[in-house]
Each structure stands twice: as C-alpha cells, then as structure tokens.
Amino acid sequence: MTMLSPMMPFDPQETLTSYADRLSMYHTGRGMARLLKDCGIHHEHFVSGRTEAVARLAEATGHPCADLHRNVIRVFQRGGEFRGEPTSKSFLLPQAKRYCPACLVEDGSPTDWRFRLIWGFRHVQRCDRHGVWLTPTSNAVATSLRVALNEVTIAVPVNATEETPTYLDWLRGRLAGDGIPETSWLADQTLEQVLAASEMIGGVLQHGHKVKLTRLSPAETEEATDIGFSIYSEGADAVEEALDTIRQTSPANAVQAGPLAYYGALFDWLDRRSNSIDPGPIRDILRNHIVKHSAVEPGTTVLGVEITERRYHTLYSLAAVVGIDRPRLSRLLKKLGEIPANATEVDCGRMVFEAATAVPMVEAFKTAVPLRDVPEYLGASKRQVETLYREGIVLPLVPRSGPGSVRHVVFGRKHLDQLLARIACLPEVDRSSDRDFHPISYACQRGAGRFERLFTEVLQGKIPAFRNPDRTGIGAIVVDVGTLAGARNAA
C-alpha cells in the first residue's frame, strides 16, 4: 500500500474516525468514505473499530498502530470496547453528538474540526479545557463534527458557573495516561465501573431512591456523578458509609420491606440493569451491606450470589427458631436490653438481630437457672451463692444494672457449668494423708480468710486445693486448713 504524503499529525485526544475524516478532506477534498475506499479499507469495519481495518490505516499513514488503537471506540451489536475495557453502548459513543464551541473556534475551519474523545463519554457534560457546557448536535450517526454540524452556525459558548468536577480531572488524566497517581482501588477498575457507580450513588443521595438518571439534566448528571465520585474514590469504607445513609433515609416502613425499598435505584441497577457489563466491586459491597443489615433467609439469591448461611434474624424468624411466641420474645429482648424499652411493634418488626449472638442468648435464657436454684446446682449454700453473686463472681444473664435484673435474676447454665468444670479439674484429695483437709467454709471459720477471696484464689491456682469425690460443686473443694490458716496468721 502506498503511504499517504504528506503525513498529517495525529491528535491523541481525537477519535480515530474524526481523524480519518480530516485526513480524507486534506488529501481528497471529500469525506472519510473516499479515503477508506482508496486505501482498500472496509468502511463499516473501520467505523466499528475492527483491528485489521485500523491496522491498514496505520500502514497508509505511517503512524504506529498502537497509537491509533488507543483512540478506537470498538462497536459491537450489544455493547462496545475501549482500550480493552468492555463498555455499554451508551457509556462511550463514537458519534459526534456533542461539542465545545470554544474548541471548534480554536480549530479553525470545518475541515479542521476535531471531535475530542472525552466528549463521547456520557458522564462528560462540559469541556474539560474551557469549562463550558457541551452543545448537542442534531445528527445521530455522523462520526465527524464537519458532517454533524453541516454548515450550522456554531453556538455561543455557555460557561458553567460551577467549578470543574473532580471526576473530570481524573478521567482526563486516565485517558492521557500522564502517570497521575491514583489509588489501586480506582486503578483496578474500568472507566465505566468507576463513573457508573459514582453516578448512581450520587444520584440516589441527591435525588432520592426513585431517581431516574436518564431524566436528569446535564448539570444534574454532572453534580450527581461528582458527589458520588467524591465518595467512591475514597474506597470501600466510604461506600459503606454512603450505603448506611441511603438505607437510613429510605422511605420504607413495611416490616417485609426488601433491598429494593431500602436502596432504591442503586439496587435495581445492580440487580437487573447491569448484567451485561460487570459493575465492579460496588455489587459485592452492596450485597454484603444487605446481608449485614437484613435478615436474609438461607438459600436466597442476593445480587447473583446465593446466601448459604443466615447472619441476621428478624423478630419473627428468631421467634420461630427458638420456639418462643413473638410477644414474649419481644419482652425478653427488651429485658436483655436488645430492644429499646419504648420500641413500638413496628420498630420491633424492622429490627434485626445477629444470629451468632441472638440465638445462643435466647437459648441460654430459656434454660437459665433461677437464683433460688443456683445453690443446689453449684453444690453450695444459699449464703455462699449470694456472696458470689454480690461480688460478681457468678454472673447473671441480665446484668445487675440492666432492665428487669432485680425482678428476674437468672444464670446461664453454660456459665455455671464452666465453673463446675474448673472445680472438677482439681486433683482428688488423698484420704490417707494426715494433712488437715476440710471444706473451704470450715477454713474460713478458722481464719483462712473471707469465702469469696478464698474461692477466687482456689480457681486461680494461688493456693493448693483438692476435690472430695463424695461431693460435687463448691462443697467438694477441700484445703489444708492448718497450713492455710497458719500462713494467713503469719502474713
């Protein structure tokens, strides 16, 4: 193939089809189709960005093929591709549908007009150089501004009053590849993943859960994207905080309200409307947020992933699991401090409880031992148990300062069994020994010290203690009274 001469410089900010049209006007005085035909390049293949068609133009112009490919917007039947990143059809368009009047004035004559690559992004509403709003053209298919405007007088630029949004600076830097540092969080995501998630988060925060992004004005679209980008660019933790706000501001009041009610258009987008293009980490973050704050039933599919383990319960599901009527369970959870005392039925119905802690807690309360039965359970006297309770050695299920603790003092069997297990680990007393072994209650009477102190030191292993196999619990503990009393007196 004969190389075109003289060579026209290639602008890395311009779409390849716009460059091809300018090149054709320079060499043939006619549009892009004539040049492509003369070079033996299939017109439709070139417009859709096929590799072989772009390579033939690179050969004809002498430009590095890689440089031309960087500005190709690949078009498929149901989507597109840009620099190896999959894109939706509406995210980045090769058609010259918008332009900056100030830029075209600088370009000069219509044959020198360049359609900038950045103008094709749906989220770009203003010129990144002049700060003026982009003006729409009336041609839906033209890929060059010369054809799209077709002798239309260039509109007077309208300056945007707001400051240039941060996301526009980020996009310009990413396109230019100028080495501007960016976090790995953003660098590992595609352009569409970052901008689409930013727009959706900002749109819901700014315009409510039922926002229709396609109905926003250019200024509103830019504002929503910029608000969302200021959050999204900070990373996953900042996104979770935004989801907290979105959930808390949801108008949903029904007990059975689902993720769509709590997260609105954001959930709808990730659940149904972003299946063709991977939305990136925002989907996993939202799924985890839903599972964390909603009582998702095992086997339920949330944003494409089946939840196999329950993490949270509602009051209704918790009542079914532990076998307690809902009104009684509600009173019990209020007693335990898990539900505010002034919570209404609707408030209780909307609350969720962590399964890992709520179920064991309720089960422990169901099998709890009342204070009056603890002496027999621990093999101790009533006075000894009251002393251990008063000193905080034996702990009730409901803290002593908690609601209802005075009227209904109960103790978890697990806590009591752990205490008994520690006693059972003491070595069995040697009956043949001539040492003065007696129960710790007897030792206390002989000057060994207060019962609660002696009992604590036995559990901590600070004093030698043994176990009488004929008894159980605290009553089975024996110590060498003579040795112990003598040591106390000496001290």
Protein backbone atom coordinates (compact mmCIF):
# COMPACT_ATOMS: atom_id res chain seq x y z
CA MET A 1 0.00 0.00 0.00
CA THR A 2 1.29 3.48 -0.90
CA MET A 3 1.87 5.68 2.14
CA LEU A 4 -0.05 8.94 2.17
CA SER A 5 2.15 12.01 1.87
CA PRO A 6 2.50 14.46 3.41
CA MET A 7 1.61 12.86 6.74
CA MET A 8 -0.98 14.67 8.86
CA PRO A 9 -0.18 14.64 12.61
CA PHE A 10 -2.47 12.50 14.75
CA ASP A 11 -4.04 14.15 17.80
CA PRO A 12 -4.16 11.67 20.73
CA GLN A 13 -7.22 13.50 22.11
CA GLU A 14 -9.27 12.93 18.93
CA THR A 15 -11.35 9.93 17.94
CA LEU A 16 -9.90 7.87 15.11
CA THR A 17 -12.95 8.36 12.86
CA SER A 18 -12.69 12.14 13.28
CA TYR A 19 -9.02 11.99 12.31
CA ALA A 20 -9.79 9.84 9.27
CA ASP A 21 -12.35 12.39 8.07
CA ARG A 22 -9.91 15.29 8.42
CA LEU A 23 -7.23 13.24 6.68
CA SER A 24 -9.58 12.49 3.79
CA MET A 25 -10.58 16.13 3.38
CA TYR A 26 -6.90 17.07 3.32
CA HIS A 27 -5.92 14.51 0.66
CA THR A 28 -9.10 14.07 -1.42
CA GLY A 29 -11.32 17.03 -0.60
CA ARG A 30 -14.10 14.55 0.21
CA GLY A 31 -15.32 12.69 3.30
CA MET A 32 -13.87 9.68 5.09
CA ALA A 33 -15.57 7.10 2.86
CA ARG A 34 -13.48 8.19 -0.16
CA LEU A 35 -10.15 7.80 1.62
CA LEU A 36 -11.10 4.41 3.05
CA LYS A 37 -12.12 3.18 -0.39
CA ASP A 38 -8.86 4.38 -1.95
CA CYS A 39 -6.90 2.56 0.78
CA GLY A 40 -8.93 -0.63 0.41
CA ILE A 41 -10.39 -0.38 3.89
CA HIS A 42 -13.92 -1.66 4.52
CA HIS A 43 -15.96 1.33 5.69
CA GLU A 44 -18.20 -0.48 8.21
CA HIS A 45 -15.28 -2.45 9.60
CA PHE A 46 -13.32 0.75 10.18
CA VAL A 47 -16.21 2.62 11.79
CA SER A 48 -16.84 -0.30 14.15
CA GLY A 49 -13.15 -0.33 15.09
CA ARG A 50 -12.05 -3.72 13.76
CA THR A 51 -8.37 -4.41 14.30
CA GLU A 52 -7.46 -5.22 10.69
CA ALA A 53 -9.14 -2.07 9.35
CA VAL A 54 -7.31 0.16 11.83
CA ALA A 55 -4.03 -1.58 11.01
CA ARG A 56 -4.45 -0.77 7.28
CA LEU A 57 -4.94 2.93 8.07
CA ALA A 58 -1.84 2.87 10.28
CA GLU A 59 0.09 1.35 7.38
CA ALA A 60 -1.18 4.03 5.00
CA THR A 61 -0.34 6.92 7.32
CA GLY A 62 2.86 5.62 8.87
CA HIS A 63 1.53 6.10 12.40
CA PRO A 64 2.22 3.41 15.00
CA CYS A 65 -0.73 1.04 15.01
CA ALA A 66 -0.83 1.04 18.83
CA ASP A 67 -1.32 4.84 18.88
CA LEU A 68 -4.35 4.64 16.59
CA HIS A 69 -5.85 1.72 18.53
CA ARG A 70 -5.80 3.76 21.75
CA ASN A 71 -8.42 6.09 20.29
CA VAL A 72 -10.63 3.42 18.73
CA ILE A 73 -14.14 3.02 20.14
CA ARG A 74 -14.95 -0.59 19.32
CA VAL A 75 -18.62 -1.13 18.50
CA PHE A 76 -20.41 -4.48 18.81
CA GLN A 77 -24.04 -5.39 18.38
CA ARG A 78 -24.85 -5.13 22.10
CA GLY A 79 -22.01 -3.13 23.56
CA GLY A 80 -18.55 -1.85 22.93
CA GLU A 81 -14.93 -1.85 23.99
CA PHE A 82 -12.38 0.84 24.69
CA ARG A 83 -8.71 0.13 25.33
CA GLY A 84 -9.52 -3.44 26.29
CA GLU A 85 -12.32 -2.45 28.68
CA PRO A 86 -15.87 -3.63 27.92
CA THR A 87 -18.41 -0.80 27.77
CA SER A 88 -22.15 -0.47 27.43
CA LYS A 89 -23.48 1.11 24.24
CA SER A 90 -24.49 4.35 25.96
CA PHE A 91 -21.33 4.85 28.03
CA LEU A 92 -18.97 5.89 25.22
CA LEU A 93 -20.23 6.83 21.75
CA PRO A 94 -18.15 7.31 18.58
CA GLN A 95 -20.83 9.56 17.08
CA ALA A 96 -20.22 13.32 17.24
CA LYS A 97 -23.29 14.19 19.28
CA ARG A 98 -21.81 16.98 21.42
CA TYR A 99 -19.07 19.54 21.08
CA CYS A 100 -17.42 22.51 22.71
CA PRO A 101 -17.92 25.68 20.62
CA ALA A 102 -14.77 27.25 22.07
CA CYS A 103 -12.67 24.30 20.94
CA LEU A 104 -14.05 24.45 17.39
CA VAL A 105 -13.28 28.16 17.15
CA GLU A 106 -9.69 27.34 18.07
CA ASP A 107 -9.59 24.50 15.49
CA GLY A 108 -10.44 26.87 12.63
CA SER A 109 -12.32 25.81 9.51
CA PRO A 110 -14.83 22.90 9.50
CA THR A 111 -12.31 20.64 7.77
CA ASP A 112 -10.05 21.07 10.81
CA TRP A 113 -12.71 20.42 13.45
CA ARG A 114 -11.73 17.57 15.76
CA PHE A 115 -14.20 15.52 17.75
CA ARG A 116 -12.49 15.00 21.11
CA LEU A 117 -12.55 11.52 22.57
CA ILE A 118 -13.59 12.76 26.00
CA TRP A 119 -16.78 14.32 24.57
CA GLY A 120 -18.11 10.87 23.75
CA PHE A 121 -18.43 9.82 27.41
CA ARG A 122 -21.99 10.05 28.69
CA HIS A 123 -20.85 11.44 32.04
CA VAL A 124 -18.96 14.36 30.48
CA GLN A 125 -21.22 17.39 30.27
CA ARG A 126 -18.70 20.20 29.86
CA CYS A 127 -15.42 20.91 28.09
CA ASP A 128 -12.52 19.93 30.31
CA ARG A 129 -10.41 22.80 28.90
CA HIS A 130 -12.79 25.75 28.67
CA GLY A 131 -15.33 24.84 31.35
CA VAL A 132 -18.32 25.50 29.06
CA TRP A 133 -21.33 23.22 28.65
CA LEU A 134 -21.15 20.91 25.65
CA THR A 135 -23.61 21.73 22.86
CA PRO A 136 -25.63 18.88 21.29
CA THR A 137 -25.66 18.31 17.54
CA SER A 138 -28.70 17.24 15.54
CA ASN A 139 -27.03 14.34 13.70
CA ALA A 140 -27.32 10.95 15.43
CA VAL A 141 -24.95 8.94 13.20
CA ALA A 142 -22.16 11.23 11.98
CA THR A 143 -18.71 10.48 13.39
CA SER A 144 -17.18 13.83 12.43
CA LEU A 145 -18.28 17.30 13.51
CA ARG A 146 -17.95 18.60 9.95
CA VAL A 147 -20.80 16.30 8.88
CA ALA A 148 -22.75 16.52 12.15
CA LEU A 149 -22.97 20.32 12.09
CA ASN A 150 -23.18 20.68 8.26
CA GLU A 151 -22.77 24.44 7.99
CA VAL A 152 -24.72 25.11 11.17
CA THR A 153 -23.51 28.24 12.88
CA ILE A 154 -21.51 27.38 15.98
CA ALA A 155 -23.44 28.23 19.11
CA VAL A 156 -22.18 30.81 21.54
CA PRO A 157 -20.40 29.03 24.43
CA VAL A 158 -22.28 28.95 27.72
CA ASN A 159 -19.95 29.00 30.68
CA ALA A 160 -20.67 26.60 33.52
CA THR A 161 -20.88 28.51 36.78
CA GLU A 162 -19.72 25.63 38.96
CA GLU A 163 -16.13 24.53 39.39
CA THR A 164 -14.81 21.77 37.16
CA PRO A 165 -15.79 18.47 38.84
CA THR A 166 -13.06 16.30 40.30
CA TYR A 167 -14.08 13.23 38.32
CA LEU A 168 -13.47 15.11 35.06
CA ASP A 169 -9.86 15.77 36.07
CA TRP A 170 -9.49 12.09 36.94
CA LEU A 171 -10.97 10.98 33.60
CA ARG A 172 -8.73 13.34 31.64
CA GLY A 173 -5.67 12.01 33.43
CA ARG A 174 -6.67 8.37 32.89
CA LEU A 175 -7.24 8.96 29.15
CA ALA A 176 -3.97 10.83 28.72
CA GLY A 177 -2.02 8.20 30.64
CA ASP A 178 0.03 11.01 32.12
CA GLY A 179 1.07 8.99 35.13
CA ILE A 180 -1.05 10.88 37.66
CA PRO A 181 -1.03 8.71 40.80
CA GLU A 182 -4.33 7.07 41.66
CA THR A 183 -5.23 4.57 44.32
CA SER A 184 -5.18 0.88 43.45
CA TRP A 185 -8.90 0.93 44.27
CA LEU A 186 -9.57 3.09 41.19
CA ALA A 187 -6.72 1.80 39.05
CA ASP A 188 -8.06 -1.75 39.23
CA GLN A 189 -11.47 -0.71 37.88
CA THR A 190 -12.62 0.23 34.40
CA LEU A 191 -13.73 3.73 33.48
CA GLU A 192 -17.37 2.68 33.33
CA GLN A 193 -17.24 0.85 36.66
CA VAL A 194 -15.99 3.98 38.41
CA LEU A 195 -18.20 6.54 36.70
CA ALA A 196 -21.40 4.46 36.65
CA ALA A 197 -21.13 3.59 40.34
CA SER A 198 -20.33 7.22 41.20
CA GLU A 199 -23.32 8.49 39.22
CA MET A 200 -25.71 6.01 40.83
CA ILE A 201 -24.56 6.65 44.40
CA GLY A 202 -24.66 10.41 43.91
CA GLY A 203 -28.00 10.24 42.11
CA VAL A 204 -29.71 8.35 44.97
CA LEU A 205 -28.18 10.58 47.63
CA GLN A 206 -29.08 13.75 45.76
CA HIS A 207 -32.44 12.89 44.19
CA GLY A 208 -33.88 10.05 46.26
CA HIS A 209 -34.38 6.31 45.96
CA LYS A 210 -36.63 6.52 42.89
CA VAL A 211 -34.28 8.68 40.82
CA LYS A 212 -34.35 8.23 37.04
CA LEU A 213 -30.84 9.05 35.89
CA THR A 214 -31.84 9.38 32.24
CA ARG A 215 -34.25 12.18 33.16
CA LEU A 216 -31.66 14.35 34.88
CA SER A 217 -30.42 17.48 33.18
CA PRO A 218 -26.75 17.66 32.13
CA ALA A 219 -25.98 19.83 35.14
CA GLU A 220 -27.77 17.41 37.49
CA THR A 221 -25.98 14.43 35.94
CA GLU A 222 -22.63 16.12 36.46
CA GLU A 223 -23.48 17.07 40.03
CA ALA A 224 -24.64 13.54 40.90
CA THR A 225 -21.53 11.97 39.36
CA ASP A 226 -19.22 14.41 41.14
CA ILE A 227 -20.89 13.82 44.53
CA GLY A 228 -20.72 10.07 44.03
CA PHE A 229 -17.10 10.20 42.82
CA SER A 230 -16.02 12.15 45.90
CA ILE A 231 -17.32 9.19 47.94
CA TYR A 232 -16.42 6.31 45.63
CA SER A 233 -12.84 7.41 45.10
CA GLU A 234 -12.20 7.13 48.85
CA GLY A 235 -12.64 3.35 48.78
CA ALA A 236 -14.91 0.62 50.08
CA ASP A 237 -15.28 2.04 53.61
CA ALA A 238 -16.57 5.35 52.26
CA VAL A 239 -19.01 3.47 50.01
CA GLU A 240 -20.34 1.53 53.02
CA GLU A 241 -20.92 4.80 54.89
CA ALA A 242 -22.89 6.09 51.90
CA LEU A 243 -24.96 2.89 51.89
CA ASP A 244 -25.69 3.44 55.59
CA THR A 245 -27.08 6.87 54.72
CA ILE A 246 -29.08 5.54 51.77
CA ARG A 247 -30.64 2.81 53.91
CA GLN A 248 -31.39 5.14 56.81
CA THR A 249 -33.08 7.69 54.55
CA SER A 250 -35.22 5.07 52.83
CA PRO A 251 -38.97 5.81 52.97
CA ALA A 252 -39.63 2.09 53.54
CA ASN A 253 -41.78 1.43 56.62
CA ALA A 254 -43.16 -2.04 56.00
CA VAL A 255 -41.79 -4.88 58.11
CA GLN A 256 -41.31 -7.02 54.99
CA ALA A 257 -39.52 -4.25 53.02
CA GLY A 258 -36.75 -5.66 50.84
CA PRO A 259 -33.48 -4.37 49.35
CA LEU A 260 -35.26 -2.53 46.53
CA ALA A 261 -37.15 -0.46 49.07
CA TYR A 262 -34.07 0.28 51.15
CA TYR A 263 -31.58 1.01 48.36
CA GLY A 264 -33.88 2.06 45.52
CA ALA A 265 -32.43 2.65 42.07
CA LEU A 266 -28.98 1.54 43.21
CA PHE A 267 -30.20 -1.99 43.96
CA ASP A 268 -32.35 -2.07 40.83
CA TRP A 269 -29.33 -1.15 38.70
CA LEU A 270 -27.11 -3.82 40.22
CA ASP A 271 -29.83 -6.46 40.31
CA ARG A 272 -31.30 -6.16 36.80
CA ARG A 273 -29.79 -3.41 34.69
CA SER A 274 -26.04 -4.04 34.89
CA ASN A 275 -25.97 -7.70 33.91
CA SER A 276 -24.35 -7.09 30.51
CA ILE A 277 -21.40 -5.18 32.00
CA ASP A 278 -19.65 -6.13 35.22
CA PRO A 279 -20.39 -3.21 37.60
CA GLY A 280 -17.25 -3.87 39.63
CA PRO A 281 -16.82 -4.09 43.42
CA ILE A 282 -19.89 -1.97 44.15
CA ARG A 283 -22.08 -5.06 43.71
CA ASP A 284 -20.17 -7.09 46.32
CA ILE A 285 -20.16 -4.13 48.72
CA LEU A 286 -23.92 -3.68 48.44
CA ARG A 287 -24.56 -7.43 48.81
CA ASN A 288 -22.51 -7.54 52.00
CA HIS A 289 -24.36 -4.47 53.27
CA ILE A 290 -27.71 -6.12 52.62
CA VAL A 291 -26.71 -9.34 54.35
CA LYS A 292 -25.26 -7.34 57.25
CA HIS A 293 -28.40 -5.29 57.87
CA SER A 294 -31.23 -7.53 56.67
CA ALA A 295 -32.47 -10.91 57.83
CA VAL A 296 -31.74 -12.77 54.58
CA GLU A 297 -33.08 -16.32 54.53
CA PRO A 298 -30.55 -19.06 53.66
CA GLY A 299 -30.93 -20.08 50.03
CA THR A 300 -31.90 -16.56 48.94
CA THR A 301 -30.00 -15.19 45.94
CA VAL A 302 -28.82 -11.64 46.51
CA LEU A 303 -27.28 -9.82 43.54
CA GLY A 304 -26.35 -13.05 41.82
CA VAL A 305 -24.94 -14.93 44.81
CA GLU A 306 -26.81 -17.48 46.93
CA ILE A 307 -26.63 -16.80 50.66
CA THR A 308 -25.99 -20.12 52.37
CA GLU A 309 -25.76 -19.01 55.99
CA ARG A 310 -28.10 -16.80 57.97
CA ARG A 311 -26.34 -13.89 59.62
CA TYR A 312 -29.31 -11.94 60.97
CA HIS A 313 -32.79 -12.65 62.26
CA THR A 314 -35.94 -10.60 62.36
CA LEU A 315 -38.06 -10.83 65.47
CA TYR A 316 -40.40 -13.20 63.61
CA SER A 317 -37.69 -15.59 62.34
CA LEU A 318 -35.91 -15.55 65.70
CA ALA A 319 -39.14 -16.46 67.47
CA ALA A 320 -39.62 -19.41 65.11
CA VAL A 321 -36.06 -20.66 65.64
CA VAL A 322 -36.02 -20.51 69.44
CA GLY A 323 -39.64 -21.61 69.84
CA ILE A 324 -40.89 -18.59 71.79
CA ASP A 325 -44.01 -16.61 70.95
CA ARG A 326 -43.18 -13.29 69.36
CA PRO A 327 -44.79 -11.07 72.08
CA ARG A 328 -42.97 -12.97 74.82
CA LEU A 329 -39.69 -12.85 72.87
CA SER A 330 -40.13 -9.11 72.39
CA ARG A 331 -40.50 -8.65 76.16
CA LEU A 332 -37.48 -10.88 76.75
CA LEU A 333 -35.27 -8.93 74.34
CA LYS A 334 -36.34 -5.70 75.97
CA LYS A 335 -35.36 -7.21 79.32
CA LEU A 336 -31.98 -8.14 77.86
CA GLY A 337 -31.51 -4.64 76.50
CA GLU A 338 -31.51 -5.78 72.85
CA ILE A 339 -34.66 -3.80 72.09
CA PRO A 340 -35.30 -0.29 73.43
CA ALA A 341 -37.93 -0.28 76.15
CA ASN A 342 -40.09 2.26 74.28
CA ALA A 343 -39.91 0.48 70.89
CA THR A 344 -43.25 0.03 69.12
CA GLU A 345 -44.43 -3.14 67.38
CA VAL A 346 -43.42 -1.66 64.02
CA ASP A 347 -39.99 -0.74 65.37
CA CYS A 348 -39.50 -4.27 66.70
CA GLY A 349 -40.59 -5.77 63.39
CA ARG A 350 -38.00 -3.77 61.44
CA MET A 351 -35.10 -4.61 63.74
CA VAL A 352 -32.60 -7.36 63.00
CA PHE A 353 -30.54 -9.41 65.44
CA GLU A 354 -27.22 -11.07 64.77
CA ALA A 355 -27.86 -14.81 64.56
CA ALA A 356 -24.50 -15.79 66.04
CA THR A 357 -25.30 -13.99 69.30
CA ALA A 358 -29.08 -13.69 69.45
CA VAL A 359 -29.93 -17.39 69.19
CA PRO A 360 -27.43 -18.55 71.87
CA MET A 361 -28.52 -15.67 74.10
CA VAL A 362 -32.20 -16.57 73.87
CA GLU A 363 -31.48 -20.28 74.20
CA ALA A 364 -29.41 -19.55 77.30
CA PHE A 365 -32.32 -17.61 78.78
CA LYS A 366 -34.73 -20.46 78.04
CA THR A 367 -32.58 -22.93 80.02
CA ALA A 368 -31.43 -20.45 82.66
CA VAL A 369 -31.28 -21.34 86.36
CA PRO A 370 -33.18 -19.02 88.73
CA LEU A 371 -31.27 -17.58 91.67
CA ARG A 372 -33.16 -19.74 94.14
CA ASP A 373 -31.97 -22.94 92.40
CA VAL A 374 -28.32 -21.95 91.97
CA PRO A 375 -27.16 -23.20 95.43
CA GLU A 376 -28.29 -26.73 94.64
CA TYR A 377 -26.86 -26.52 91.11
CA LEU A 378 -23.44 -25.41 92.37
CA GLY A 379 -23.41 -27.57 95.48
CA ALA A 380 -23.13 -24.53 97.70
CA SER A 381 -25.06 -22.85 100.48
CA LYS A 382 -27.51 -20.06 99.83
CA ARG A 383 -25.26 -17.61 101.63
CA GLN A 384 -22.23 -18.63 99.56
CA VAL A 385 -24.13 -18.12 96.28
CA GLU A 386 -25.45 -14.73 97.41
CA THR A 387 -21.88 -13.73 98.26
CA LEU A 388 -20.55 -14.85 94.86
CA TYR A 389 -23.42 -13.03 93.14
CA ARG A 390 -22.80 -9.85 95.11
CA GLU A 391 -19.07 -9.91 94.34
CA GLY A 392 -19.63 -10.51 90.61
CA ILE A 393 -18.00 -13.94 90.58
CA VAL A 394 -21.20 -15.67 89.50
CA LEU A 395 -22.75 -13.51 86.77
CA PRO A 396 -26.46 -13.36 85.88
CA LEU A 397 -27.65 -13.37 82.27
CA VAL A 398 -29.13 -9.91 82.69
CA PRO A 399 -26.52 -7.55 84.13
CA ARG A 400 -27.37 -6.26 87.58
CA SER A 401 -27.71 -2.74 86.19
CA GLY A 402 -29.85 -3.90 83.25
CA PRO A 403 -33.63 -3.56 82.92
CA GLY A 404 -35.53 -6.21 84.82
CA SER A 405 -32.43 -7.58 86.54
CA VAL A 406 -33.78 -7.18 90.06
CA ARG A 407 -37.13 -8.84 89.41
CA HIS A 408 -35.85 -11.80 87.41
CA VAL A 409 -32.31 -12.87 88.37
CA VAL A 410 -31.31 -15.94 86.34
CA PHE A 411 -27.99 -17.54 85.47
CA GLY A 412 -26.90 -19.23 82.27
CA ARG A 413 -26.23 -22.94 82.54
CA LYS A 414 -23.15 -22.59 80.36
CA HIS A 415 -21.61 -20.11 82.81
CA LEU A 416 -22.42 -22.31 85.80
CA ASP A 417 -21.19 -25.45 84.04
CA GLN A 418 -17.88 -23.78 83.24
CA LEU A 419 -17.47 -23.00 86.92
CA LEU A 420 -18.23 -26.60 87.88
CA ALA A 421 -15.82 -27.86 85.22
CA ARG A 422 -12.97 -25.88 86.77
CA ILE A 423 -13.75 -27.38 90.15
CA ALA A 424 -13.86 -30.87 88.63
CA CYS A 425 -10.32 -30.36 87.34
CA LEU A 426 -8.94 -30.12 90.88
CA PRO A 427 -6.92 -33.17 91.96
CA GLU A 428 -8.74 -35.69 94.09
CA VAL A 429 -7.86 -35.49 97.80
CA ASP A 430 -5.60 -38.19 99.26
CA ARG A 431 -7.67 -39.70 102.08
CA SER A 432 -4.63 -41.49 103.54
CA SER A 433 -2.81 -38.24 104.11
CA ASP A 434 -2.50 -36.91 107.66
CA ARG A 435 -2.97 -33.31 106.48
CA ASP A 436 -5.83 -31.24 107.89
CA PHE A 437 -8.21 -31.21 104.87
CA HIS A 438 -11.59 -29.51 105.29
CA PRO A 439 -14.14 -27.66 103.08
CA ILE A 440 -13.36 -24.02 102.40
CA SER A 441 -16.35 -22.94 104.50
CA TYR A 442 -14.66 -24.57 107.51
CA ALA A 443 -11.34 -22.96 106.57
CA CYS A 444 -12.99 -19.53 106.55
CA GLN A 445 -14.24 -20.11 110.10
CA ARG A 446 -10.70 -20.98 111.19
CA GLY A 447 -9.18 -17.71 109.99
CA ALA A 448 -8.18 -18.62 106.43
CA GLY A 449 -9.98 -15.54 105.05
CA ARG A 450 -13.25 -14.46 103.53
CA PHE A 451 -15.09 -17.05 101.48
CA GLU A 452 -15.20 -15.10 98.20
CA ARG A 453 -11.47 -14.35 98.39
CA LEU A 454 -10.54 -17.93 99.23
CA PHE A 455 -12.77 -19.30 96.46
CA THR A 456 -11.26 -16.94 93.87
CA GLU A 457 -7.71 -17.89 94.85
CA VAL A 458 -8.61 -21.58 94.52
CA LEU A 459 -9.88 -21.04 90.97
CA GLN A 460 -6.78 -19.01 90.10
CA GLY A 461 -4.49 -21.73 91.47
CA LYS A 462 -2.92 -19.41 94.01
CA ILE A 463 -3.50 -21.82 96.90
CA PRO A 464 -3.40 -25.63 96.87
CA ALA A 465 -6.89 -27.15 96.77
CA PHE A 466 -8.31 -30.60 96.24
CA ARG A 467 -11.63 -32.24 95.44
CA ASN A 468 -13.68 -34.57 97.63
CA PRO A 469 -15.01 -37.26 95.24
CA ASP A 470 -18.02 -37.90 97.50
CA ARG A 471 -19.41 -34.41 96.86
CA THR A 472 -19.95 -32.09 93.87
CA GLY A 473 -19.54 -28.45 93.15
CA ILE A 474 -18.26 -25.89 95.61
CA GLY A 475 -18.94 -28.22 98.53
CA ALA A 476 -16.39 -30.68 97.14
CA ILE A 477 -13.47 -28.24 97.46
CA VAL A 478 -11.14 -29.01 100.40
CA VAL A 479 -7.99 -27.25 101.55
CA ASP A 480 -5.30 -27.85 104.19
CA VAL A 481 -6.81 -25.69 106.92
CA GLY A 482 -3.86 -25.81 109.29
CA THR A 483 -1.30 -24.81 106.71
CA LEU A 484 -3.54 -22.17 105.17
CA ALA A 485 -4.61 -20.60 108.49
CA GLY A 486 -1.01 -20.54 109.70
CA ALA A 487 0.10 -18.77 106.54
CA ARG A 488 -2.66 -16.20 106.90
CA ASN A 489 -1.80 -15.52 110.54
CA ALA A 490 1.86 -15.15 109.72
CA ALA A 491 1.03 -12.69 106.99
